């Protein structure tokens, strides 16, 4: 089963995909790996998360925050949540990002650029994407809850800190 929210979240992460994040994991068939216990409330057609709802999907972790709701009468919803990639996927992303960025900007610039791109979405050594989904549940509006940097902006920022790194990067290639 694939959810519209998953597809929309994947499309909202273009900046990270460009730097090496494999977002296909989000769009894959969702397989719940472990049972989860949670409480939901229902009142006036509105289904509400009474407590956080953690779900392990394909080895990654989705947590829907307390207070998230879905109006079952009209499919309107507001969900604050986070998606944390598995350790394996996170590690391969960091490795791939280093390779991809080294090819684009050179080895000496790749590390600082990767840090600028991935620090806002890294928690405990894993890729962690907090996001908000709202509107019609079948056609949701999804956006990351943290500011994602564009690759070009990350390169500019990195060069401001160390202008000679561009020359080093060009010589590395």
C-alpha atoms as a PDB file:
ATOM      1  CA  UNK A   1       0.000   0.000   0.000  1.00  0.00           C
ATOM      2  CA  UNK A   2       1.327   3.417  -0.841  1.00  0.00           C
ATOM      3  CA  UNK A   3      -0.155   6.511   0.738  1.00  0.00           C
ATOM      4  CA  UNK A   4      -0.605   9.876  -0.983  1.00  0.00           C
ATOM      5  CA  UNK A   5       1.164  11.454   2.007  1.00  0.00           C
ATOM      6  CA  UNK A   6       4.236   9.281   1.360  1.00  0.00           C
ATOM      7  CA  UNK A   7       4.396  10.273  -2.311  1.00  0.00           C
ATOM      8  CA  UNK A   8       3.968  13.957  -1.500  1.00  0.00           C
ATOM      9  CA  UNK A   9       6.610  13.805   1.243  1.00  0.00           C
ATOM     10  CA  UNK A  10       9.047  12.215  -1.204  1.00  0.00           C
ATOM     11  CA  UNK A  11       8.439  14.983  -3.741  1.00  0.00           C
ATOM     12  CA  UNK A  12       9.029  17.633  -1.040  1.00  0.00           C
ATOM     13  CA  UNK A  13      12.588  16.368  -0.493  1.00  0.00           C
ATOM     14  CA  UNK A  14      14.094  17.218  -3.890  1.00  0.00           C
ATOM     15  CA  UNK A  15      17.024  19.103  -2.330  1.00  0.00           C
ATOM     16  CA  UNK A  16      18.111  16.041  -0.374  1.00  0.00           C
ATOM     17  CA  UNK A  17      17.542  13.674  -3.281  1.00  0.00           C
ATOM     18  CA  UNK A  18      19.859  15.818  -5.403  1.00  0.00           C
ATOM     19  CA  UNK A  19      22.536  15.358  -2.714  1.00  0.00           C
ATOM     20  CA  UNK A  20      22.160  11.564  -2.574  1.00  0.00           C
ATOM     21  CA  UNK A  21      19.103  10.722  -0.435  1.00  0.00           C
ATOM     22  CA  UNK A  22      17.287   7.684  -1.847  1.00  0.00           C
ATOM     23  CA  UNK A  23      13.677   8.784  -1.435  1.00  0.00           C
ATOM     24  CA  UNK A  24      12.330   5.678  -3.145  1.00  0.00           C
ATOM     25  CA  UNK A  25      12.245   4.144   0.347  1.00  0.00           C
ATOM     26  CA  UNK A  26       9.380   6.478   1.231  1.00  0.00           C
ATOM     27  CA  UNK A  27       7.445   5.581  -1.904  1.00  0.00           C
ATOM     28  CA  UNK A  28       7.986   1.809  -1.679  1.00  0.00           C
ATOM     29  CA  UNK A  29       5.194  -0.512  -0.717  1.00  0.00           C
ATOM     30  CA  UNK A  30       4.612   0.139   2.956  1.00  0.00           C
ATOM     31  CA  UNK A  31       5.152  -2.924   5.107  1.00  0.00           C
ATOM     32  CA  UNK A  32       4.510  -2.537   8.813  1.00  0.00           C
ATOM     33  CA  UNK A  33       7.239  -4.558  10.530  1.00  0.00           C
ATOM     34  CA  UNK A  34       6.107  -4.443  14.145  1.00  0.00           C
ATOM     35  CA  UNK A  35       2.864  -4.184  16.034  1.00  0.00           C
ATOM     36  CA  UNK A  36       2.206  -0.787  17.595  1.00  0.00           C
ATOM     37  CA  UNK A  37      -0.142   0.147  20.371  1.00  0.00           C
ATOM     38  CA  UNK A  38      -1.839   3.504  20.203  1.00  0.00           C
ATOM     39  CA  UNK A  39      -4.996   5.309  21.229  1.00  0.00           C
ATOM     40  CA  UNK A  40      -7.330   7.203  18.967  1.00  0.00           C
ATOM     41  CA  UNK A  41     -10.385   9.235  19.870  1.00  0.00           C
ATOM     42  CA  UNK A  42     -13.471   9.742  17.710  1.00  0.00           C
ATOM     43  CA  UNK A  43     -15.854  12.634  18.175  1.00  0.00           C
ATOM     44  CA  UNK A  44     -18.093  14.360  15.625  1.00  0.00           C
ATOM     45  CA  UNK A  45     -16.538  12.357  12.771  1.00  0.00           C
ATOM     46  CA  UNK A  46     -13.030  13.473  13.759  1.00  0.00           C
ATOM     47  CA  UNK A  47     -10.504  10.762  14.479  1.00  0.00           C
ATOM     48  CA  UNK A  48      -7.737  12.165  16.695  1.00  0.00           C
ATOM     49  CA  UNK A  49      -4.436  10.715  17.930  1.00  0.00           C
ATOM     50  CA  UNK A  50      -4.669  10.780  21.730  1.00  0.00           C
ATOM     51  CA  UNK A  51      -0.983   9.885  21.994  1.00  0.00           C
ATOM     52  CA  UNK A  52       1.905   9.624  19.529  1.00  0.00           C
ATOM     53  CA  UNK A  53       1.482   6.832  17.009  1.00  0.00           C
ATOM     54  CA  UNK A  54       4.794   5.084  16.215  1.00  0.00           C
ATOM     55  CA  UNK A  55       4.907   2.699  13.263  1.00  0.00           C
ATOM     56  CA  UNK A  56       7.933   0.773  11.950  1.00  0.00           C
ATOM     57  CA  UNK A  57       7.679   0.666   8.153  1.00  0.00           C
ATOM     58  CA  UNK A  58      10.254  -1.100   5.994  1.00  0.00           C
ATOM     59  CA  UNK A  59      12.708  -0.787   8.893  1.00  0.00           C
ATOM     60  CA  UNK A  60      12.205   2.973   9.123  1.00  0.00           C
ATOM     61  CA  UNK A  61      10.119   4.741  11.762  1.00  0.00           C
ATOM     62  CA  UNK A  62       7.067   6.934  11.214  1.00  0.00           C
ATOM     63  CA  UNK A  63       5.741   8.789  14.258  1.00  0.00           C
ATOM     64  CA  UNK A  64       2.427  10.606  14.000  1.00  0.00           C
ATOM     65  CA  UNK A  65       2.293  13.216  16.752  1.00  0.00           C
ATOM     66  CA  UNK A  66      -0.368  13.456  19.427  1.00  0.00           C
ATOM     67  CA  UNK A  67      -3.223  15.698  18.305  1.00  0.00           C
ATOM     68  CA  UNK A  68      -3.094  14.702  14.630  1.00  0.00           C
ATOM     69  CA  UNK A  69      -6.599  14.414  13.239  1.00  0.00           C
ATOM     70  CA  UNK A  70      -8.643  13.162  10.292  1.00  0.00           C
ATOM     71  CA  UNK A  71     -12.217  14.260   9.636  1.00  0.00           C
ATOM     72  CA  UNK A  72     -13.870  11.061   8.413  1.00  0.00           C
ATOM     73  CA  UNK A  73     -16.821  13.005   6.981  1.00  0.00           C
ATOM     74  CA  UNK A  74     -14.810  15.017   4.457  1.00  0.00           C
ATOM     75  CA  UNK A  75     -11.235  13.585   4.535  1.00  0.00           C
ATOM     76  CA  UNK A  76      -9.751  16.850   5.841  1.00  0.00           C
ATOM     77  CA  UNK A  77      -6.737  16.275   8.054  1.00  0.00           C
ATOM     78  CA  UNK A  78      -3.828  17.853   9.880  1.00  0.00           C
ATOM     79  CA  UNK A  79      -0.925  15.598  10.765  1.00  0.00           C
ATOM     80  CA  UNK A  80       2.378  16.594  12.322  1.00  0.00           C
ATOM     81  CA  UNK A  81       4.722  13.647  12.030  1.00  0.00           C
ATOM     82  CA  UNK A  82       8.289  12.552  11.431  1.00  0.00           C
ATOM     83  CA  UNK A  83       9.896   9.881   9.293  1.00  0.00           C
ATOM     84  CA  UNK A  84      13.234   8.475  10.473  1.00  0.00           C
ATOM     85  CA  UNK A  85      15.122   6.347   7.978  1.00  0.00           C
ATOM     86  CA  UNK A  86      16.659   3.082   9.167  1.00  0.00           C
ATOM     87  CA  UNK A  87      20.304   3.109  10.229  1.00  0.00           C
ATOM     88  CA  UNK A  88      21.261   1.150   7.111  1.00  0.00           C
ATOM     89  CA  UNK A  89      19.513   3.571   4.749  1.00  0.00           C
ATOM     90  CA  UNK A  90      20.846   6.611   6.631  1.00  0.00           C
ATOM     91  CA  UNK A  91      24.423   5.340   6.471  1.00  0.00           C
ATOM     92  CA  UNK A  92      24.179   4.509   2.764  1.00  0.00           C
ATOM     93  CA  UNK A  93      22.697   7.979   2.174  1.00  0.00           C
ATOM     94  CA  UNK A  94      25.613   9.691   3.909  1.00  0.00           C
ATOM     95  CA  UNK A  95      28.080   7.588   1.896  1.00  0.00           C
ATOM     96  CA  UNK A  96      26.247   8.235  -1.382  1.00  0.00           C
ATOM     97  CA  UNK A  97      25.944  11.961  -0.568  1.00  0.00           C
ATOM     98  CA  UNK A  98      29.692  12.185  -0.042  1.00  0.00           C
ATOM     99  CA  UNK A  99      30.293  10.489  -3.408  1.00  0.00           C
ATOM    100  CA  UNK A 100      27.694  12.564  -5.275  1.00  0.00           C
ATOM    101  CA  UNK A 101      28.834  15.839  -3.731  1.00  0.00           C
ATOM    102  CA  UNK A 102      32.516  15.016  -4.314  1.00  0.00           C
ATOM    103  CA  UNK A 103      31.740  14.634  -8.023  1.00  0.00           C
ATOM    104  CA  UNK A 104      29.825  17.908  -8.107  1.00  0.00           C
ATOM    105  CA  UNK A 105      31.961  20.195  -5.918  1.00  0.00           C
ATOM    106  CA  UNK A 106      35.155  18.252  -5.176  1.00  0.00           C
ATOM    107  CA  UNK A 107      36.195  16.270  -2.114  1.00  0.00           C
ATOM    108  CA  UNK A 108      37.312  19.196   0.032  1.00  0.00           C
ATOM    109  CA  UNK A 109      33.955  20.972  -0.339  1.00  0.00           C
ATOM    110  CA  UNK A 110      31.743  17.860  -0.193  1.00  0.00           C
ATOM    111  CA  UNK A 111      31.969  17.374   3.591  1.00  0.00           C
ATOM    112  CA  UNK A 112      30.984  20.918   4.595  1.00  0.00           C
ATOM    113  CA  UNK A 113      28.220  20.997   1.957  1.00  0.00           C
ATOM    114  CA  UNK A 114      26.830  17.641   3.123  1.00  0.00           C
ATOM    115  CA  UNK A 115      26.874  18.919   6.698  1.00  0.00           C
ATOM    116  CA  UNK A 116      24.888  22.020   5.725  1.00  0.00           C
ATOM    117  CA  UNK A 117      22.375  19.928   3.769  1.00  0.00           C
ATOM    118  CA  UNK A 118      21.881  17.089   6.238  1.00  0.00           C
ATOM    119  CA  UNK A 119      22.349  18.631   9.721  1.00  0.00           C
ATOM    120  CA  UNK A 120      18.757  19.974   9.853  1.00  0.00           C
ATOM    121  CA  UNK A 121      17.451  16.480   9.039  1.00  0.00           C
ATOM    122  CA  UNK A 122      19.771  14.324  11.134  1.00  0.00           C
ATOM    123  CA  UNK A 123      18.865  13.020  14.569  1.00  0.00           C
ATOM    124  CA  UNK A 124      20.921  10.462  16.474  1.00  0.00           C
ATOM    125  CA  UNK A 125      22.910   9.648  13.336  1.00  0.00           C
ATOM    126  CA  UNK A 126      19.875   8.945  11.165  1.00  0.00           C
ATOM    127  CA  UNK A 127      18.014  10.893   8.506  1.00  0.00           C
ATOM    128  CA  UNK A 128      15.002  12.333  10.361  1.00  0.00           C
ATOM    129  CA  UNK A 129      12.378  14.311   8.425  1.00  0.00           C
ATOM    130  CA  UNK A 130       9.740  16.119  10.493  1.00  0.00           C
ATOM    131  CA  UNK A 131       6.792  17.086   8.297  1.00  0.00           C
ATOM    132  CA  UNK A 132       3.232  18.421   8.217  1.00  0.00           C
ATOM    133  CA  UNK A 133       0.419  17.058   6.066  1.00  0.00           C
ATOM    134  CA  UNK A 134      -2.869  18.932   5.683  1.00  0.00           C
ATOM    135  CA  UNK A 135      -5.911  19.348   3.467  1.00  0.00           C
ATOM    136  CA  UNK A 136      -7.705  16.509   1.695  1.00  0.00           C
ATOM    137  CA  UNK A 137      -6.240  13.178   2.837  1.00  0.00           C
ATOM    138  CA  UNK A 138      -6.358  11.839  -0.740  1.00  0.00           C
ATOM    139  CA  UNK A 139      -4.568  14.912  -2.151  1.00  0.00           C
ATOM    140  CA  UNK A 140      -2.536  16.148   0.810  1.00  0.00           C
ATOM    141  CA  UNK A 141      -0.319  19.194   1.008  1.00  0.00           C
ATOM    142  CA  UNK A 142       2.918  17.962   2.575  1.00  0.00           C
ATOM    143  CA  UNK A 143       5.938  20.024   3.565  1.00  0.00           C
ATOM    144  CA  UNK A 144       9.013  19.442   5.664  1.00  0.00           C
ATOM    145  CA  UNK A 145       8.822  21.133   9.085  1.00  0.00           C
ATOM    146  CA  UNK A 146      12.481  22.148   8.895  1.00  0.00           C
ATOM    147  CA  UNK A 147      14.137  24.429   6.382  1.00  0.00           C
ATOM    148  CA  UNK A 148      15.824  22.389   3.666  1.00  0.00           C
ATOM    149  CA  UNK A 149      18.784  23.970   1.941  1.00  0.00           C
ATOM    150  CA  UNK A 150      19.200  23.959  -1.792  1.00  0.00           C
ATOM    151  CA  UNK A 151      22.475  22.431  -3.024  1.00  0.00           C
ATOM    152  CA  UNK A 152      23.583  25.700  -4.645  1.00  0.00           C
ATOM    153  CA  UNK A 153      22.876  27.632  -1.428  1.00  0.00           C
ATOM    154  CA  UNK A 154      24.803  25.080   0.634  1.00  0.00           C
ATOM    155  CA  UNK A 155      27.799  25.412  -1.699  1.00  0.00           C
ATOM    156  CA  UNK A 156      27.668  29.235  -1.451  1.00  0.00           C
ATOM    157  CA  UNK A 157      27.408  29.061   2.349  1.00  0.00           C
ATOM    158  CA  UNK A 158      30.328  26.644   2.520  1.00  0.00           C
ATOM    159  CA  UNK A 159      32.447  28.874   0.293  1.00  0.00           C
ATOM    160  CA  UNK A 160      31.734  31.898   2.504  1.00  0.00           C
ATOM    161  CA  UNK A 161      33.263  30.009   5.418  1.00  0.00           C
ATOM    162  CA  UNK A 162      36.279  28.767   3.420  1.00  0.00           C
ATOM    163  CA  UNK A 163      36.718  30.529   0.053  1.00  0.00           C
ATOM    164  CA  UNK A 164      39.867  28.570  -0.804  1.00  0.00           C
ATOM    165  CA  UNK A 165      37.966  25.282  -0.592  1.00  0.00           C
ATOM    166  CA  UNK A 166      36.597  25.814  -4.117  1.00  0.00           C
ATOM    167  CA  UNK A 167      40.125  25.958  -5.497  1.00  0.00           C
ATOM    168  CA  UNK A 168      41.062  22.885  -3.441  1.00  0.00           C
ATOM    169  CA  UNK A 169      37.943  21.139  -4.730  1.00  0.00           C
ATOM    170  CA  UNK A 170      38.797  21.899  -8.336  1.00  0.00           C
ATOM    171  CA  UNK A 171      42.333  20.613  -7.832  1.00  0.00           C
ATOM    172  CA  UNK A 172      40.994  17.423  -6.206  1.00  0.00           C
ATOM    173  CA  UNK A 173      39.018  16.506  -9.311  1.00  0.00           C
END
